[in-house]
Amino acid sequence: MIGPRIREIRSKKKISLSQLAQRSDVTKSYLSQIERNICTNPSIEFVEKIAAGLNIEPEILVGWAKDKSFGSSDSFAHMQEYLFDMDNEQLKELKEYIDFTLWKRSEK
């Protein structure tokens, strides 16, 4: 079933239902129905839109391929997924944290 996969990936990426609906240009109510398996046969167009909104390949949503970025929390690919989902303010905070960490290391 595609609904639980969408919900799982969306949750791992910390994306709300509303955010994914907006990113994917689908209605929040239909996306919710898909996630809850009320509607179980979404169109290919819907799958492609949701995959684009989640920044993954459609094959991952339908279970034809594994999402390698979730395989290891230490992998660069996993970190890239988070970076792509961050807004400018979050990226700025991350940069400040990295700068602080590097400064702190240089002080040792």
Protein backbone atom coordinates (compact mmCIF):
# COMPACT_ATOMS: atom_id res chain seq x y z
CA MET A 1 0.00 0.00 0.00
CA ILE A 2 1.31 3.39 -0.96
CA GLY A 3 -0.42 5.38 1.80
CA PRO A 4 1.68 4.06 4.68
CA ARG A 5 4.87 4.59 2.64
CA ILE A 6 3.96 8.22 2.01
CA ARG A 7 3.20 8.75 5.70
CA GLU A 8 6.42 7.02 6.80
CA ILE A 9 8.66 9.01 4.45
CA ARG A 10 6.83 12.25 5.21
CA SER A 11 7.27 11.66 8.94
CA LYS A 12 10.95 10.80 8.60
CA LYS A 13 11.47 14.01 6.66
CA LYS A 14 9.45 15.93 9.26
CA ILE A 15 7.06 17.31 6.67
CA SER A 16 3.48 18.03 7.69
CA LEU A 17 0.53 16.82 5.66
CA SER A 18 -0.25 20.42 4.70
CA GLN A 19 3.33 21.10 3.62
CA LEU A 20 3.46 18.01 1.43
CA ALA A 21 0.09 18.79 -0.14
CA GLN A 22 1.25 22.31 -0.94
CA ARG A 23 4.65 21.17 -2.29
CA SER A 24 2.99 18.51 -4.43
CA ASP A 25 0.08 20.61 -5.66
CA VAL A 26 -2.52 18.14 -4.41
CA THR A 27 -5.36 18.64 -1.97
CA LYS A 28 -4.66 17.96 1.68
CA SER A 29 -7.91 16.01 2.02
CA TYR A 30 -7.06 13.62 -0.83
CA LEU A 31 -3.52 13.12 0.46
CA SER A 32 -4.95 12.34 3.89
CA GLN A 33 -7.35 9.81 2.38
CA ILE A 34 -4.46 8.13 0.56
CA GLU A 35 -2.33 7.97 3.71
CA ARG A 36 -5.24 6.45 5.68
CA ASN A 37 -5.98 3.93 2.90
CA ILE A 38 -9.47 5.31 2.36
CA CYS A 39 -8.49 5.81 -1.28
CA THR A 40 -6.10 3.09 -2.39
CA ASN A 41 -5.62 3.57 -6.12
CA PRO A 42 -3.96 6.94 -6.79
CA SER A 43 -3.09 7.96 -10.33
CA ILE A 44 0.45 7.88 -11.69
CA GLU A 45 0.30 11.68 -11.85
CA PHE A 46 -0.51 11.82 -8.12
CA VAL A 47 2.38 9.45 -7.29
CA GLU A 48 4.78 11.56 -9.37
CA LYS A 49 3.63 14.78 -7.68
CA ILE A 50 4.00 13.30 -4.19
CA ALA A 51 7.42 11.85 -5.04
CA ALA A 52 8.55 15.27 -6.28
CA GLY A 53 7.20 16.88 -3.11
CA LEU A 54 9.16 14.39 -1.01
CA ASN A 55 12.25 14.77 -3.24
CA ILE A 56 12.41 11.04 -4.00
CA GLU A 57 11.88 8.81 -7.00
CA PRO A 58 8.32 7.57 -7.67
CA GLU A 59 9.67 4.00 -7.64
CA ILE A 60 10.36 4.35 -3.93
CA LEU A 61 6.74 5.23 -3.21
CA VAL A 62 5.35 2.26 -5.07
CA GLY A 63 7.89 -0.10 -3.50
CA TRP A 64 9.92 -0.89 -6.61
CA ALA A 65 13.11 0.60 -5.16
CA LYS A 66 14.60 1.21 -1.74
CA ASP A 67 15.37 4.70 -0.47
CA LYS A 68 19.07 4.36 0.28
CA SER A 69 19.22 7.74 2.00
CA PHE A 70 17.41 6.27 5.02
CA GLY A 71 19.71 3.26 5.24
CA SER A 72 22.31 4.89 7.43
CA SER A 73 21.90 7.99 9.54
CA ASP A 74 25.60 8.74 8.99
CA SER A 75 25.47 8.80 5.20
CA PHE A 76 25.89 12.01 3.24
CA ALA A 77 22.82 11.16 1.15
CA HIS A 78 20.75 11.05 4.31
CA MET A 79 22.01 14.49 5.31
CA GLN A 80 21.30 15.85 1.83
CA GLU A 81 17.63 14.94 2.19
CA TYR A 82 17.41 17.09 5.31
CA LEU A 83 19.29 19.97 3.68
CA PHE A 84 16.96 20.04 0.69
CA ASP A 85 13.96 20.23 3.00
CA MET A 86 15.28 23.14 5.09
CA ASP A 87 14.18 26.71 4.57
CA ASN A 88 16.65 29.62 4.52
CA GLU A 89 16.31 30.34 8.23
CA GLN A 90 17.04 26.72 9.15
CA LEU A 91 20.04 26.66 6.81
CA LYS A 92 21.36 29.84 8.41
CA GLU A 93 21.03 28.30 11.89
CA LEU A 94 22.78 25.14 10.70
CA LYS A 95 25.65 27.18 9.25
CA GLU A 96 26.01 29.08 12.51
CA TYR A 97 26.11 25.80 14.42
CA ILE A 98 28.74 24.36 12.08
CA ASP A 99 30.83 27.54 12.34
CA PHE A 100 30.61 27.40 16.14
CA THR A 101 31.57 23.71 16.21
CA LEU A 102 34.57 24.33 13.96
CA TRP A 103 35.63 27.31 16.06
CA LYS A 104 35.32 25.25 19.24
CA ARG A 105 37.47 22.47 17.76
CA SER A 106 40.15 24.96 16.76
CA GLU A 107 40.32 26.26 20.34
CA LYS A 108 41.37 22.85 21.70
